[in-house]
mmCIF file of all heavy atoms, coordinates in Angstrom:
data_MODEL
# 
_entry.id   MODEL 
# 
loop_
_atom_site.group_PDB 
_atom_site.id 
_atom_site.type_symbol 
_atom_site.label_atom_id 
_atom_site.label_alt_id 
_atom_site.label_comp_id 
_atom_site.label_asym_id 
_atom_site.label_entity_id 
_atom_site.label_seq_id 
_atom_site.pdbx_PDB_ins_code 
_atom_site.Cartn_x 
_atom_site.Cartn_y 
_atom_site.Cartn_z 
_atom_site.occupancy 
_atom_site.B_iso_or_equiv 
_atom_site.pdbx_formal_charge 
_atom_site.auth_seq_id 
_atom_site.auth_comp_id 
_atom_site.auth_asym_id 
_atom_site.auth_atom_id 
_atom_site.pdbx_PDB_model_num 
ATOM 1   N N   . GLY A 1 1  ? -13.497 -2.236  0.603   1.00 0.00 ? 1  GLY A N   1 
ATOM 2   C CA  . GLY A 1 1  ? -13.836 -0.831  0.433   1.00 0.00 ? 1  GLY A CA  1 
ATOM 3   C C   . GLY A 1 1  ? -14.410 -0.533  -0.936  1.00 0.00 ? 1  GLY A C   1 
ATOM 4   O O   . GLY A 1 1  ? -14.790 -1.428  -1.689  1.00 0.00 ? 1  GLY A O   1 
ATOM 5   N N   . ILE A 1 2  ? -14.452 0.759   -1.266  1.00 0.00 ? 2  ILE A N   1 
ATOM 6   C CA  . ILE A 1 2  ? -15.058 1.186   -2.529  1.00 0.00 ? 2  ILE A CA  1 
ATOM 7   C C   . ILE A 1 2  ? -14.068 1.885   -3.447  1.00 0.00 ? 2  ILE A C   1 
ATOM 8   O O   . ILE A 1 2  ? -14.434 2.435   -4.473  1.00 0.00 ? 2  ILE A O   1 
ATOM 9   C CB  . ILE A 1 2  ? -16.260 2.114   -2.273  1.00 0.00 ? 2  ILE A CB  1 
ATOM 10  C CG1 . ILE A 1 2  ? -15.823 3.355   -1.481  1.00 0.00 ? 2  ILE A CG1 1 
ATOM 11  C CG2 . ILE A 1 2  ? -17.364 1.365   -1.532  1.00 0.00 ? 2  ILE A CG2 1 
ATOM 12  C CD1 . ILE A 1 2  ? -16.903 4.408   -1.338  1.00 0.00 ? 2  ILE A CD1 1 
ATOM 13  N N   . ARG A 1 3  ? -12.795 1.862   -3.113  1.00 0.00 ? 3  ARG A N   1 
ATOM 14  C CA  . ARG A 1 3  ? -11.788 2.574   -3.904  1.00 0.00 ? 3  ARG A CA  1 
ATOM 15  C C   . ARG A 1 3  ? -10.830 1.637   -4.645  1.00 0.00 ? 3  ARG A C   1 
ATOM 16  O O   . ARG A 1 3  ? -9.709  2.010   -4.953  1.00 0.00 ? 3  ARG A O   1 
ATOM 17  C CB  . ARG A 1 3  ? -10.998 3.513   -2.996  1.00 0.00 ? 3  ARG A CB  1 
ATOM 18  C CG  . ARG A 1 3  ? -11.856 4.623   -2.419  1.00 0.00 ? 3  ARG A CG  1 
ATOM 19  C CD  . ARG A 1 3  ? -11.020 5.619   -1.647  1.00 0.00 ? 3  ARG A CD  1 
ATOM 20  N NE  . ARG A 1 3  ? -11.845 6.732   -1.216  1.00 0.00 ? 3  ARG A NE  1 
ATOM 21  C CZ  . ARG A 1 3  ? -12.408 6.827   -0.027  1.00 0.00 ? 3  ARG A CZ  1 
ATOM 22  N NH1 . ARG A 1 3  ? -12.222 5.875   0.864   1.00 0.00 ? 3  ARG A NH1 1 
ATOM 23  N NH2 . ARG A 1 3  ? -13.138 7.866   0.286   1.00 0.00 ? 3  ARG A NH2 1 
ATOM 24  N N   . GLY A 1 4  ? -11.271 0.416   -4.896  1.00 0.00 ? 4  GLY A N   1 
ATOM 25  C CA  . GLY A 1 4  ? -10.435 -0.515  -5.641  1.00 0.00 ? 4  GLY A CA  1 
ATOM 26  C C   . GLY A 1 4  ? -9.422  -1.264  -4.807  1.00 0.00 ? 4  GLY A C   1 
ATOM 27  O O   . GLY A 1 4  ? -8.537  -1.912  -5.351  1.00 0.00 ? 4  GLY A O   1 
ATOM 28  N N   . GLU A 1 5  ? -9.535  -1.209  -3.501  1.00 0.00 ? 5  GLU A N   1 
ATOM 29  C CA  . GLU A 1 5  ? -8.612  -1.933  -2.645  1.00 0.00 ? 5  GLU A CA  1 
ATOM 30  C C   . GLU A 1 5  ? -8.989  -3.411  -2.606  1.00 0.00 ? 5  GLU A C   1 
ATOM 31  O O   . GLU A 1 5  ? -10.145 -3.782  -2.813  1.00 0.00 ? 5  GLU A O   1 
ATOM 32  C CB  . GLU A 1 5  ? -8.642  -1.380  -1.223  1.00 0.00 ? 5  GLU A CB  1 
ATOM 33  C CG  . GLU A 1 5  ? -8.131  0.033   -1.115  1.00 0.00 ? 5  GLU A CG  1 
ATOM 34  C CD  . GLU A 1 5  ? -8.222  0.560   0.304   1.00 0.00 ? 5  GLU A CD  1 
ATOM 35  O OE1 . GLU A 1 5  ? -9.187  0.208   1.028   1.00 0.00 ? 5  GLU A OE1 1 
ATOM 36  O OE2 . GLU A 1 5  ? -7.324  1.309   0.694   1.00 0.00 ? 5  GLU A OE2 1 
ATOM 37  N N   . VAL A 1 6  ? -8.002  -4.254  -2.335  1.00 0.00 ? 6  VAL A N   1 
ATOM 38  C CA  . VAL A 1 6  ? -8.237  -5.687  -2.196  1.00 0.00 ? 6  VAL A CA  1 
ATOM 39  C C   . VAL A 1 6  ? -7.486  -6.203  -0.981  1.00 0.00 ? 6  VAL A C   1 
ATOM 40  O O   . VAL A 1 6  ? -6.480  -5.639  -0.565  1.00 0.00 ? 6  VAL A O   1 
ATOM 41  C CB  . VAL A 1 6  ? -7.778  -6.470  -3.451  1.00 0.00 ? 6  VAL A CB  1 
ATOM 42  C CG1 . VAL A 1 6  ? -8.630  -6.129  -4.648  1.00 0.00 ? 6  VAL A CG1 1 
ATOM 43  C CG2 . VAL A 1 6  ? -6.311  -6.242  -3.750  1.00 0.00 ? 6  VAL A CG2 1 
ATOM 44  N N   . ALA A 1 7  ? -7.993  -7.278  -0.402  1.00 0.00 ? 7  ALA A N   1 
ATOM 45  C CA  . ALA A 1 7  ? -7.292  -7.976  0.678   1.00 0.00 ? 7  ALA A CA  1 
ATOM 46  C C   . ALA A 1 7  ? -6.472  -9.081  0.026   1.00 0.00 ? 7  ALA A C   1 
ATOM 47  O O   . ALA A 1 7  ? -6.971  -9.820  -0.822  1.00 0.00 ? 7  ALA A O   1 
ATOM 48  C CB  . ALA A 1 7  ? -8.289  -8.568  1.671   1.00 0.00 ? 7  ALA A CB  1 
ATOM 49  N N   . VAL A 1 8  ? -5.206  -9.184  0.421   1.00 0.00 ? 8  VAL A N   1 
ATOM 50  C CA  . VAL A 1 8  ? -4.291  -10.149 -0.178  1.00 0.00 ? 8  VAL A CA  1 
ATOM 51  C C   . VAL A 1 8  ? -3.757  -11.089 0.902   1.00 0.00 ? 8  VAL A C   1 
ATOM 52  O O   . VAL A 1 8  ? -3.309  -10.639 1.955   1.00 0.00 ? 8  VAL A O   1 
ATOM 53  C CB  . VAL A 1 8  ? -3.108  -9.433  -0.874  1.00 0.00 ? 8  VAL A CB  1 
ATOM 54  C CG1 . VAL A 1 8  ? -2.096  -10.434 -1.407  1.00 0.00 ? 8  VAL A CG1 1 
ATOM 55  C CG2 . VAL A 1 8  ? -3.610  -8.523  -1.984  1.00 0.00 ? 8  VAL A CG2 1 
ATOM 56  N N   . PHE A 1 9  ? -3.808  -12.385 0.612   1.00 0.00 ? 9  PHE A N   1 
ATOM 57  C CA  . PHE A 1 9  ? -3.181  -13.382 1.474   1.00 0.00 ? 9  PHE A CA  1 
ATOM 58  C C   . PHE A 1 9  ? -1.760  -13.560 0.956   1.00 0.00 ? 9  PHE A C   1 
ATOM 59  O O   . PHE A 1 9  ? -1.562  -14.052 -0.162  1.00 0.00 ? 9  PHE A O   1 
ATOM 60  C CB  . PHE A 1 9  ? -3.946  -14.710 1.421   1.00 0.00 ? 9  PHE A CB  1 
ATOM 61  C CG  . PHE A 1 9  ? -3.313  -15.788 2.245   1.00 0.00 ? 9  PHE A CG  1 
ATOM 62  C CD1 . PHE A 1 9  ? -3.489  -15.818 3.610   1.00 0.00 ? 9  PHE A CD1 1 
ATOM 63  C CD2 . PHE A 1 9  ? -2.537  -16.766 1.652   1.00 0.00 ? 9  PHE A CD2 1 
ATOM 64  C CE1 . PHE A 1 9  ? -2.900  -16.806 4.385   1.00 0.00 ? 9  PHE A CE1 1 
ATOM 65  C CE2 . PHE A 1 9  ? -1.944  -17.757 2.408   1.00 0.00 ? 9  PHE A CE2 1 
ATOM 66  C CZ  . PHE A 1 9  ? -2.127  -17.775 3.780   1.00 0.00 ? 9  PHE A CZ  1 
ATOM 67  N N   . PRO A 1 10 ? -0.754  -13.144 1.719   1.00 0.00 ? 10 PRO A N   1 
ATOM 68  C CA  . PRO A 1 10 ? 0.624   -13.236 1.212   1.00 0.00 ? 10 PRO A CA  1 
ATOM 69  C C   . PRO A 1 10 ? 1.120   -14.677 1.173   1.00 0.00 ? 10 PRO A C   1 
ATOM 70  O O   . PRO A 1 10 ? 0.887   -15.459 2.090   1.00 0.00 ? 10 PRO A O   1 
ATOM 71  C CB  . PRO A 1 10 ? 1.427   -12.408 2.212   1.00 0.00 ? 10 PRO A CB  1 
ATOM 72  C CG  . PRO A 1 10 ? 0.622   -12.432 3.460   1.00 0.00 ? 10 PRO A CG  1 
ATOM 73  C CD  . PRO A 1 10 ? -0.815  -12.550 3.045   1.00 0.00 ? 10 PRO A CD  1 
ATOM 74  N N   . LEU A 1 11 ? 1.809   -15.016 0.100   1.00 0.00 ? 11 LEU A N   1 
ATOM 75  C CA  . LEU A 1 11 ? 2.440   -16.322 -0.040  1.00 0.00 ? 11 LEU A CA  1 
ATOM 76  C C   . LEU A 1 11 ? 3.952   -16.193 0.104   1.00 0.00 ? 11 LEU A C   1 
ATOM 77  O O   . LEU A 1 11 ? 4.676   -17.160 -0.050  1.00 0.00 ? 11 LEU A O   1 
ATOM 78  C CB  . LEU A 1 11 ? 2.103   -16.933 -1.411  1.00 0.00 ? 11 LEU A CB  1 
ATOM 79  C CG  . LEU A 1 11 ? 0.618   -17.163 -1.683  1.00 0.00 ? 11 LEU A CG  1 
ATOM 80  C CD1 . LEU A 1 11 ? 0.421   -17.637 -3.115  1.00 0.00 ? 11 LEU A CD1 1 
ATOM 81  C CD2 . LEU A 1 11 ? 0.036   -18.152 -0.698  1.00 0.00 ? 11 LEU A CD2 1 
ATOM 82  N N   . SER A 1 12 ? 4.403   -14.980 0.376   1.00 0.00 ? 12 SER A N   1 
ATOM 83  C CA  . SER A 1 12 ? 5.819   -14.680 0.508   1.00 0.00 ? 12 SER A CA  1 
ATOM 84  C C   . SER A 1 12 ? 6.055   -14.027 1.861   1.00 0.00 ? 12 SER A C   1 
ATOM 85  O O   . SER A 1 12 ? 5.235   -13.232 2.325   1.00 0.00 ? 12 SER A O   1 
ATOM 86  C CB  . SER A 1 12 ? 6.250   -13.723 -0.608  1.00 0.00 ? 12 SER A CB  1 
ATOM 87  O OG  . SER A 1 12 ? 7.552   -13.250 -0.386  1.00 0.00 ? 12 SER A OG  1 
ATOM 88  N N   . GLU A 1 13 ? 7.172   -14.346 2.495   1.00 0.00 ? 13 GLU A N   1 
ATOM 89  C CA  . GLU A 1 13 ? 7.519   -13.706 3.758   1.00 0.00 ? 13 GLU A CA  1 
ATOM 90  C C   . GLU A 1 13 ? 8.198   -12.364 3.530   1.00 0.00 ? 13 GLU A C   1 
ATOM 91  O O   . GLU A 1 13 ? 8.386   -11.593 4.465   1.00 0.00 ? 13 GLU A O   1 
ATOM 92  C CB  . GLU A 1 13 ? 8.420   -14.620 4.578   1.00 0.00 ? 13 GLU A CB  1 
ATOM 93  C CG  . GLU A 1 13 ? 7.717   -15.869 5.056   1.00 0.00 ? 13 GLU A CG  1 
ATOM 94  C CD  . GLU A 1 13 ? 8.625   -16.756 5.872   1.00 0.00 ? 13 GLU A CD  1 
ATOM 95  O OE1 . GLU A 1 13 ? 9.752   -16.344 6.206   1.00 0.00 ? 13 GLU A OE1 1 
ATOM 96  O OE2 . GLU A 1 13 ? 8.193   -17.876 6.200   1.00 0.00 ? 13 GLU A OE2 1 
ATOM 97  N N   . ASN A 1 14 ? 8.551   -12.066 2.299   1.00 0.00 ? 14 ASN A N   1 
ATOM 98  C CA  . ASN A 1 14 ? 9.229   -10.830 1.942   1.00 0.00 ? 14 ASN A CA  1 
ATOM 99  C C   . ASN A 1 14 ? 8.184   -9.722  1.769   1.00 0.00 ? 14 ASN A C   1 
ATOM 100 O O   . ASN A 1 14 ? 7.575   -9.593  0.712   1.00 0.00 ? 14 ASN A O   1 
ATOM 101 C CB  . ASN A 1 14 ? 10.029  -11.029 0.650   1.00 0.00 ? 14 ASN A CB  1 
ATOM 102 C CG  . ASN A 1 14 ? 10.863  -9.845  0.296   1.00 0.00 ? 14 ASN A CG  1 
ATOM 103 O OD1 . ASN A 1 14 ? 10.733  -8.772  0.891   1.00 0.00 ? 14 ASN A OD1 1 
ATOM 104 N ND2 . ASN A 1 14 ? 11.705  -10.003 -0.688  1.00 0.00 ? 14 ASN A ND2 1 
ATOM 105 N N   . GLU A 1 15 ? 7.991   -8.902  2.804   1.00 0.00 ? 15 GLU A N   1 
ATOM 106 C CA  . GLU A 1 15 ? 6.973   -7.855  2.773   1.00 0.00 ? 15 GLU A CA  1 
ATOM 107 C C   . GLU A 1 15 ? 7.294   -6.747  1.782   1.00 0.00 ? 15 GLU A C   1 
ATOM 108 O O   . GLU A 1 15 ? 6.412   -5.996  1.371   1.00 0.00 ? 15 GLU A O   1 
ATOM 109 C CB  . GLU A 1 15 ? 6.784   -7.274  4.170   1.00 0.00 ? 15 GLU A CB  1 
ATOM 110 C CG  . GLU A 1 15 ? 6.216   -8.274  5.159   1.00 0.00 ? 15 GLU A CG  1 
ATOM 111 C CD  . GLU A 1 15 ? 6.071   -7.693  6.549   1.00 0.00 ? 15 GLU A CD  1 
ATOM 112 O OE1 . GLU A 1 15 ? 6.281   -6.474  6.727   1.00 0.00 ? 15 GLU A OE1 1 
ATOM 113 O OE2 . GLU A 1 15 ? 5.751   -8.469  7.460   1.00 0.00 ? 15 GLU A OE2 1 
ATOM 114 N N   . GLU A 1 16 ? 8.547   -6.628  1.357   1.00 0.00 ? 16 GLU A N   1 
ATOM 115 C CA  . GLU A 1 16 ? 8.942   -5.595  0.402   1.00 0.00 ? 16 GLU A CA  1 
ATOM 116 C C   . GLU A 1 16 ? 8.255   -5.777  -0.946  1.00 0.00 ? 16 GLU A C   1 
ATOM 117 O O   . GLU A 1 16 ? 8.140   -4.834  -1.713  1.00 0.00 ? 16 GLU A O   1 
ATOM 118 C CB  . GLU A 1 16 ? 10.458  -5.599  0.219   1.00 0.00 ? 16 GLU A CB  1 
ATOM 119 C CG  . GLU A 1 16 ? 11.201  -5.189  1.472   1.00 0.00 ? 16 GLU A CG  1 
ATOM 120 C CD  . GLU A 1 16 ? 12.701  -5.361  1.320   1.00 0.00 ? 16 GLU A CD  1 
ATOM 121 O OE1 . GLU A 1 16 ? 13.165  -5.801  0.250   1.00 0.00 ? 16 GLU A OE1 1 
ATOM 122 O OE2 . GLU A 1 16 ? 13.408  -5.046  2.290   1.00 0.00 ? 16 GLU A OE2 1 
ATOM 123 N N   . ARG A 1 17 ? 7.792   -6.966  -1.239  1.00 0.00 ? 17 ARG A N   1 
ATOM 124 C CA  . ARG A 1 17 ? 7.112   -7.217  -2.514  1.00 0.00 ? 17 ARG A CA  1 
ATOM 125 C C   . ARG A 1 17 ? 5.826   -6.409  -2.630  1.00 0.00 ? 17 ARG A C   1 
ATOM 126 O O   . ARG A 1 17 ? 5.347   -6.164  -3.725  1.00 0.00 ? 17 ARG A O   1 
ATOM 127 C CB  . ARG A 1 17 ? 6.798   -8.699  -2.671  1.00 0.00 ? 17 ARG A CB  1 
ATOM 128 C CG  . ARG A 1 17 ? 8.019   -9.575  -2.712  1.00 0.00 ? 17 ARG A CG  1 
ATOM 129 C CD  . ARG A 1 17 ? 7.611   -11.012 -2.991  1.00 0.00 ? 17 ARG A CD  1 
ATOM 130 N NE  . ARG A 1 17 ? 8.671   -11.952 -2.743  1.00 0.00 ? 17 ARG A NE  1 
ATOM 131 C CZ  . ARG A 1 17 ? 9.603   -12.289 -3.613  1.00 0.00 ? 17 ARG A CZ  1 
ATOM 132 N NH1 . ARG A 1 17 ? 9.618   -11.724 -4.786  1.00 0.00 ? 17 ARG A NH1 1 
ATOM 133 N NH2 . ARG A 1 17 ? 10.526  -13.178 -3.296  1.00 0.00 ? 17 ARG A NH2 1 
ATOM 134 N N   . PHE A 1 18 ? 5.253   -5.995  -1.503  1.00 0.00 ? 18 PHE A N   1 
ATOM 135 C CA  . PHE A 1 18 ? 3.979   -5.274  -1.499  1.00 0.00 ? 18 PHE A CA  1 
ATOM 136 C C   . PHE A 1 18 ? 4.146   -3.788  -1.186  1.00 0.00 ? 18 PHE A C   1 
ATOM 137 O O   . PHE A 1 18 ? 3.177   -3.096  -0.909  1.00 0.00 ? 18 PHE A O   1 
ATOM 138 C CB  . PHE A 1 18 ? 3.021   -5.921  -0.496  1.00 0.00 ? 18 PHE A CB  1 
ATOM 139 C CG  . PHE A 1 18 ? 2.776   -7.380  -0.773  1.00 0.00 ? 18 PHE A CG  1 
ATOM 140 C CD1 . PHE A 1 18 ? 3.354   -8.357  0.006   1.00 0.00 ? 18 PHE A CD1 1 
ATOM 141 C CD2 . PHE A 1 18 ? 1.984   -7.769  -1.841  1.00 0.00 ? 18 PHE A CD2 1 
ATOM 142 C CE1 . PHE A 1 18 ? 3.148   -9.710  -0.251  1.00 0.00 ? 18 PHE A CE1 1 
ATOM 143 C CE2 . PHE A 1 18 ? 1.767   -9.110  -2.115  1.00 0.00 ? 18 PHE A CE2 1 
ATOM 144 C CZ  . PHE A 1 18 ? 2.354   -10.082 -1.311  1.00 0.00 ? 18 PHE A CZ  1 
ATOM 145 N N   . GLU A 1 19 ? 5.358   -3.283  -1.210  1.00 0.00 ? 19 GLU A N   1 
ATOM 146 C CA  . GLU A 1 19 ? 5.608   -1.867  -0.943  1.00 0.00 ? 19 GLU A CA  1 
ATOM 147 C C   . GLU A 1 19 ? 5.018   -1.004  -2.057  1.00 0.00 ? 19 GLU A C   1 
ATOM 148 O O   . GLU A 1 19 ? 4.988   -1.423  -3.214  1.00 0.00 ? 19 GLU A O   1 
ATOM 149 C CB  . GLU A 1 19 ? 7.107   -1.600  -0.847  1.00 0.00 ? 19 GLU A CB  1 
ATOM 150 C CG  . GLU A 1 19 ? 7.750   -2.185  0.393   1.00 0.00 ? 19 GLU A CG  1 
ATOM 151 C CD  . GLU A 1 19 ? 7.319   -1.484  1.657   1.00 0.00 ? 19 GLU A CD  1 
ATOM 152 O OE1 . GLU A 1 19 ? 7.190   -0.251  1.648   1.00 0.00 ? 19 GLU A OE1 1 
ATOM 153 O OE2 . GLU A 1 19 ? 7.110   -2.172  2.668   1.00 0.00 ? 19 GLU A OE2 1 
ATOM 154 N N   . PRO A 1 20 ? 4.557   0.219   -1.737  1.00 0.00 ? 20 PRO A N   1 
ATOM 155 C CA  . PRO A 1 20 ? 4.072   1.123   -2.779  1.00 0.00 ? 20 PRO A CA  1 
ATOM 156 C C   . PRO A 1 20 ? 5.134   1.311   -3.863  1.00 0.00 ? 20 PRO A C   1 
ATOM 157 O O   . PRO A 1 20 ? 6.319   1.452   -3.574  1.00 0.00 ? 20 PRO A O   1 
ATOM 158 C CB  . PRO A 1 20 ? 3.806   2.424   -2.024  1.00 0.00 ? 20 PRO A CB  1 
ATOM 159 C CG  . PRO A 1 20 ? 3.482   1.969   -0.632  1.00 0.00 ? 20 PRO A CG  1 
ATOM 160 C CD  . PRO A 1 20 ? 4.388   0.785   -0.396  1.00 0.00 ? 20 PRO A CD  1 
ATOM 161 N N   . GLY A 1 21 ? 4.682   1.248   -5.097  1.00 0.00 ? 21 GLY A N   1 
ATOM 162 C CA  . GLY A 1 21 ? 5.578   1.363   -6.242  1.00 0.00 ? 21 GLY A CA  1 
ATOM 163 C C   . GLY A 1 21 ? 5.964   0.022   -6.828  1.00 0.00 ? 21 GLY A C   1 
ATOM 164 O O   . GLY A 1 21 ? 6.475   -0.046  -7.948  1.00 0.00 ? 21 GLY A O   1 
ATOM 165 N N   . SER A 1 22 ? 5.729   -1.076  -6.090  1.00 0.00 ? 22 SER A N   1 
ATOM 166 C CA  . SER A 1 22 ? 6.045   -2.408  -6.604  1.00 0.00 ? 22 SER A CA  1 
ATOM 167 C C   . SER A 1 22 ? 5.131   -2.732  -7.776  1.00 0.00 ? 22 SER A C   1 
ATOM 168 O O   . SER A 1 22 ? 3.955   -2.402  -7.768  1.00 0.00 ? 22 SER A O   1 
ATOM 169 C CB  . SER A 1 22 ? 5.856   -3.475  -5.524  1.00 0.00 ? 22 SER A CB  1 
ATOM 170 O OG  . SER A 1 22 ? 6.736   -3.279  -4.466  1.00 0.00 ? 22 SER A OG  1 
ATOM 171 N N   . ARG A 1 23 ? 5.690   -3.398  -8.773  1.00 0.00 ? 23 ARG A N   1 
ATOM 172 C CA  . ARG A 1 23 ? 4.894   -3.800  -9.931  1.00 0.00 ? 23 ARG A CA  1 
ATOM 173 C C   . ARG A 1 23 ? 4.635   -5.293  -9.826  1.00 0.00 ? 23 ARG A C   1 
ATOM 174 O O   . ARG A 1 23 ? 5.565   -6.097  -9.689  1.00 0.00 ? 23 ARG A O   1 
ATOM 175 C CB  . ARG A 1 23 ? 5.640   -3.488  -11.215 1.00 0.00 ? 23 ARG A CB  1 
ATOM 176 C CG  . ARG A 1 23 ? 4.810   -3.698  -12.431 1.00 0.00 ? 23 ARG A CG  1 
ATOM 177 C CD  . ARG A 1 23 ? 5.425   -3.007  -13.613 1.00 0.00 ? 23 ARG A CD  1 
ATOM 178 N NE  . ARG A 1 23 ? 4.542   -3.153  -14.742 1.00 0.00 ? 23 ARG A NE  1 
ATOM 179 C CZ  . ARG A 1 23 ? 4.942   -3.316  -15.974 1.00 0.00 ? 23 ARG A CZ  1 
ATOM 180 N NH1 . ARG A 1 23 ? 6.216   -3.296  -16.250 1.00 0.00 ? 23 ARG A NH1 1 
ATOM 181 N NH2 . ARG A 1 23 ? 4.075   -3.457  -16.939 1.00 0.00 ? 23 ARG A NH2 1 
ATOM 182 N N   . LEU A 1 24 ? 3.360   -5.668  -9.859  1.00 0.00 ? 24 LEU A N   1 
ATOM 183 C CA  . LEU A 1 24 ? 2.941   -7.060  -9.756  1.00 0.00 ? 24 LEU A CA  1 
ATOM 184 C C   . LEU A 1 24 ? 2.115   -7.424  -10.980 1.00 0.00 ? 24 LEU A C   1 
ATOM 185 O O   . LEU A 1 24 ? 1.558   -6.546  -11.646 1.00 0.00 ? 24 LEU A O   1 
ATOM 186 C CB  . LEU A 1 24 ? 2.123   -7.285  -8.483  1.00 0.00 ? 24 LEU A CB  1 
ATOM 187 C CG  . LEU A 1 24 ? 2.802   -6.914  -7.166  1.00 0.00 ? 24 LEU A CG  1 
ATOM 188 C CD1 . LEU A 1 24 ? 1.814   -7.027  -6.017  1.00 0.00 ? 24 LEU A CD1 1 
ATOM 189 C CD2 . LEU A 1 24 ? 4.004   -7.803  -6.917  1.00 0.00 ? 24 LEU A CD2 1 
ATOM 190 N N   . PHE A 1 25 ? 2.016   -8.692  -11.253 1.00 0.00 ? 25 PHE A N   1 
ATOM 191 C CA  . PHE A 1 25 ? 1.225   -9.178  -12.383 1.00 0.00 ? 25 PHE A CA  1 
ATOM 192 C C   . PHE A 1 25 ? 0.111   -10.069 -11.857 1.00 0.00 ? 25 PHE A C   1 
ATOM 193 O O   . PHE A 1 25 ? 0.364   -10.995 -11.089 1.00 0.00 ? 25 PHE A O   1 
ATOM 194 C CB  . PHE A 1 25 ? 2.110   -9.947  -13.365 1.00 0.00 ? 25 PHE A CB  1 
ATOM 195 C CG  . PHE A 1 25 ? 3.148   -9.077  -14.002 1.00 0.00 ? 25 PHE A CG  1 
ATOM 196 C CD1 . PHE A 1 25 ? 4.374   -8.899  -13.421 1.00 0.00 ? 25 PHE A CD1 1 
ATOM 197 C CD2 . PHE A 1 25 ? 2.860   -8.403  -15.182 1.00 0.00 ? 25 PHE A CD2 1 
ATOM 198 C CE1 . PHE A 1 25 ? 5.333   -8.080  -13.997 1.00 0.00 ? 25 PHE A CE1 1 
ATOM 199 C CE2 . PHE A 1 25 ? 3.801   -7.579  -15.768 1.00 0.00 ? 25 PHE A CE2 1 
ATOM 200 C CZ  . PHE A 1 25 ? 5.038   -7.417  -15.177 1.00 0.00 ? 25 PHE A CZ  1 
ATOM 201 N N   . LEU A 1 26 ? -1.121  -9.775  -12.267 1.00 0.00 ? 26 LEU A N   1 
ATOM 202 C CA  . LEU A 1 26 ? -2.274  -10.545 -11.825 1.00 0.00 ? 26 LEU A CA  1 
ATOM 203 C C   . LEU A 1 26 ? -2.628  -11.588 -12.870 1.00 0.00 ? 26 LEU A C   1 
ATOM 204 O O   . LEU A 1 26 ? -2.610  -11.309 -14.070 1.00 0.00 ? 26 LEU A O   1 
ATOM 205 C CB  . LEU A 1 26 ? -3.480  -9.631  -11.611 1.00 0.00 ? 26 LEU A CB  1 
ATOM 206 C CG  . LEU A 1 26 ? -3.319  -8.482  -10.625 1.00 0.00 ? 26 LEU A CG  1 
ATOM 207 C CD1 . LEU A 1 26 ? -4.610  -7.695  -10.533 1.00 0.00 ? 26 LEU A CD1 1 
ATOM 208 C CD2 . LEU A 1 26 ? -2.909  -8.993  -9.266  1.00 0.00 ? 26 LEU A CD2 1 
ATOM 209 N N   . SER A 1 27 ? -2.989  -12.771 -12.395 1.00 0.00 ? 27 SER A N   1 
ATOM 210 C CA  . SER A 1 27 ? -3.432  -13.859 -13.256 1.00 0.00 ? 27 SER A CA  1 
ATOM 211 C C   . SER A 1 27 ? -4.834  -14.253 -12.820 1.00 0.00 ? 27 SER A C   1 
ATOM 212 O O   . SER A 1 27 ? -5.160  -14.212 -11.634 1.00 0.00 ? 27 SER A O   1 
ATOM 213 C CB  . SER A 1 27 ? -2.497  -15.056 -13.123 1.00 0.00 ? 27 SER A CB  1 
ATOM 214 O OG  . SER A 1 27 ? -3.033  -16.173 -13.781 1.00 0.00 ? 27 SER A OG  1 
# 
């Protein structure tokens, strides 16, 4: 899209890691 969204391939089965409000670090 055009609003800064990205498609992510999950490496974790824990879907809670991607819940709104979660803080992640990009490398």
